Amino acid sequence: MQEKRKKIIYDFICDDIYVPMKLKELAILLQVPKEQKNDLKKVMDSLEAEGKVYLSKKGKYCKGEAKRLTGIYQAHPR
């Protein structure tokens, strides 16, 4: 059941219309009852642990790839 929830939430976050949101905002938008808010937190923590989403400094969930940069770093002595 949790895997299905993770997929639904991750697909939602990957959608072009998604804007970074806090857990409370996600819960309201996804119509998660108060008693299931801890379950939503566990799903989000799991997605974060997998690197699929990350928590910004402002406490908003963003798609994971936005945080990673790949490339070659070169420095000069000056």
C-alpha atoms as a PDB file:
ATOM      1  CA  MET A   1       0.000   0.000   0.000  1.00  0.00           C
ATOM      2  CA  GLN A   2       2.819   2.410   0.881  1.00  0.00           C
ATOM      3  CA  GLU A   3       4.572   1.728  -2.453  1.00  0.00           C
ATOM      4  CA  LYS A   4       1.399   2.733  -4.291  1.00  0.00           C
ATOM      5  CA  ARG A   5       1.178   5.946  -2.250  1.00  0.00           C
ATOM      6  CA  LYS A   6       4.852   6.699  -2.914  1.00  0.00           C
ATOM      7  CA  LYS A   7       4.321   6.316  -6.659  1.00  0.00           C
ATOM      8  CA  ILE A   8       1.232   8.559  -6.671  1.00  0.00           C
ATOM      9  CA  ILE A   9       2.963  11.278  -4.637  1.00  0.00           C
ATOM     10  CA  TYR A  10       6.194  11.057  -6.643  1.00  0.00           C
ATOM     11  CA  ASP A  11       4.273  11.275  -9.935  1.00  0.00           C
ATOM     12  CA  PHE A  12       2.487  14.344  -8.563  1.00  0.00           C
ATOM     13  CA  ILE A  13       5.784  16.010  -7.581  1.00  0.00           C
ATOM     14  CA  CYS A  14       7.250  15.260 -11.036  1.00  0.00           C
ATOM     15  CA  ASP A  15       4.278  16.914 -12.770  1.00  0.00           C
ATOM     16  CA  ASP A  16       5.008  20.231 -14.476  1.00  0.00           C
ATOM     17  CA  ILE A  17       2.276  22.017 -12.505  1.00  0.00           C
ATOM     18  CA  TYR A  18       3.792  21.082  -9.116  1.00  0.00           C
ATOM     19  CA  VAL A  19       5.305  23.890  -7.084  1.00  0.00           C
ATOM     20  CA  PRO A  20       7.395  23.105  -3.966  1.00  0.00           C
ATOM     21  CA  MET A  21       5.166  22.700  -0.912  1.00  0.00           C
ATOM     22  CA  LYS A  22       5.433  22.054   2.784  1.00  0.00           C
ATOM     23  CA  LEU A  23       4.088  18.825   4.278  1.00  0.00           C
ATOM     24  CA  LYS A  24       0.990  20.604   5.586  1.00  0.00           C
ATOM     25  CA  GLU A  25       0.224  22.021   2.124  1.00  0.00           C
ATOM     26  CA  LEU A  26       0.703  18.600   0.516  1.00  0.00           C
ATOM     27  CA  ALA A  27      -1.642  17.053   3.083  1.00  0.00           C
ATOM     28  CA  ILE A  28      -4.336  19.647   2.321  1.00  0.00           C
ATOM     29  CA  LEU A  29      -3.970  19.326  -1.447  1.00  0.00           C
ATOM     30  CA  LEU A  30      -3.976  15.512  -1.344  1.00  0.00           C
ATOM     31  CA  GLN A  31      -6.876  15.572   1.148  1.00  0.00           C
ATOM     32  CA  VAL A  32      -5.009  13.526   3.748  1.00  0.00           C
ATOM     33  CA  PRO A  33      -6.990  13.283   7.017  1.00  0.00           C
ATOM     34  CA  LYS A  34      -5.201  14.543  10.147  1.00  0.00           C
ATOM     35  CA  GLU A  35      -4.947  11.023  11.567  1.00  0.00           C
ATOM     36  CA  GLN A  36      -3.029   9.889   8.451  1.00  0.00           C
ATOM     37  CA  LYS A  37      -0.608  12.831   8.357  1.00  0.00           C
ATOM     38  CA  ASN A  38       2.114  10.716  10.018  1.00  0.00           C
ATOM     39  CA  ASP A  39       1.732   8.170   7.211  1.00  0.00           C
ATOM     40  CA  LEU A  40       2.269  10.942   4.666  1.00  0.00           C
ATOM     41  CA  LYS A  41       5.384  12.060   6.578  1.00  0.00           C
ATOM     42  CA  LYS A  42       6.742   8.482   6.455  1.00  0.00           C
ATOM     43  CA  VAL A  43       6.138   8.301   2.693  1.00  0.00           C
ATOM     44  CA  MET A  44       7.888  11.640   2.162  1.00  0.00           C
ATOM     45  CA  ASP A  45      10.808  10.582   4.394  1.00  0.00           C
ATOM     46  CA  SER A  46      11.110   7.389   2.365  1.00  0.00           C
ATOM     47  CA  LEU A  47      11.115   9.315  -0.937  1.00  0.00           C
ATOM     48  CA  GLU A  48      13.731  11.659   0.515  1.00  0.00           C
ATOM     49  CA  ALA A  49      15.915   8.732   1.628  1.00  0.00           C
ATOM     50  CA  GLU A  50      15.750   7.330  -1.914  1.00  0.00           C
ATOM     51  CA  GLY A  51      16.871  10.694  -3.302  1.00  0.00           C
ATOM     52  CA  LYS A  52      13.666  11.182  -5.289  1.00  0.00           C
ATOM     53  CA  VAL A  53      12.708  14.346  -3.400  1.00  0.00           C
ATOM     54  CA  TYR A  54      14.530  16.704  -1.086  1.00  0.00           C
ATOM     55  CA  LEU A  55      13.521  19.144   1.589  1.00  0.00           C
ATOM     56  CA  SER A  56      14.545  22.733   0.824  1.00  0.00           C
ATOM     57  CA  LYS A  57      15.887  25.133   3.449  1.00  0.00           C
ATOM     58  CA  LYS A  58      12.367  26.575   3.684  1.00  0.00           C
ATOM     59  CA  GLY A  59      10.922  23.130   4.478  1.00  0.00           C
ATOM     60  CA  LYS A  60       9.360  22.537   1.060  1.00  0.00           C
ATOM     61  CA  TYR A  61       9.520  19.284  -0.869  1.00  0.00           C
ATOM     62  CA  CYS A  62      11.153  19.517  -4.301  1.00  0.00           C
ATOM     63  CA  LYS A  63      11.972  16.989  -6.992  1.00  0.00           C
ATOM     64  CA  GLY A  64      15.283  15.305  -6.149  1.00  0.00           C
ATOM     65  CA  GLU A  65      17.234  16.020  -9.329  1.00  0.00           C
ATOM     66  CA  ALA A  66      17.094  19.782  -8.776  1.00  0.00           C
ATOM     67  CA  LYS A  67      19.587  19.473  -5.919  1.00  0.00           C
ATOM     68  CA  ARG A  68      22.303  17.584  -7.789  1.00  0.00           C
ATOM     69  CA  LEU A  69      24.798  19.064 -10.181  1.00  0.00           C
ATOM     70  CA  THR A  70      27.123  16.977 -12.301  1.00  0.00           C
ATOM     71  CA  GLY A  71      30.196  18.166 -14.079  1.00  0.00           C
ATOM     72  CA  ILE A  72      33.883  18.854 -13.650  1.00  0.00           C
ATOM     73  CA  TYR A  73      35.133  21.361 -11.121  1.00  0.00           C
ATOM     74  CA  GLN A  74      38.376  23.115 -11.961  1.00  0.00           C
ATOM     75  CA  ALA A  75      40.160  25.544  -9.685  1.00  0.00           C
ATOM     76  CA  HIS A  76      42.937  28.006 -10.356  1.00  0.00           C
ATOM     77  CA  PRO A  77      45.680  28.811  -7.788  1.00  0.00           C
ATOM     78  CA  ARG A  78      44.482  32.424  -7.619  1.00  0.00           C
END
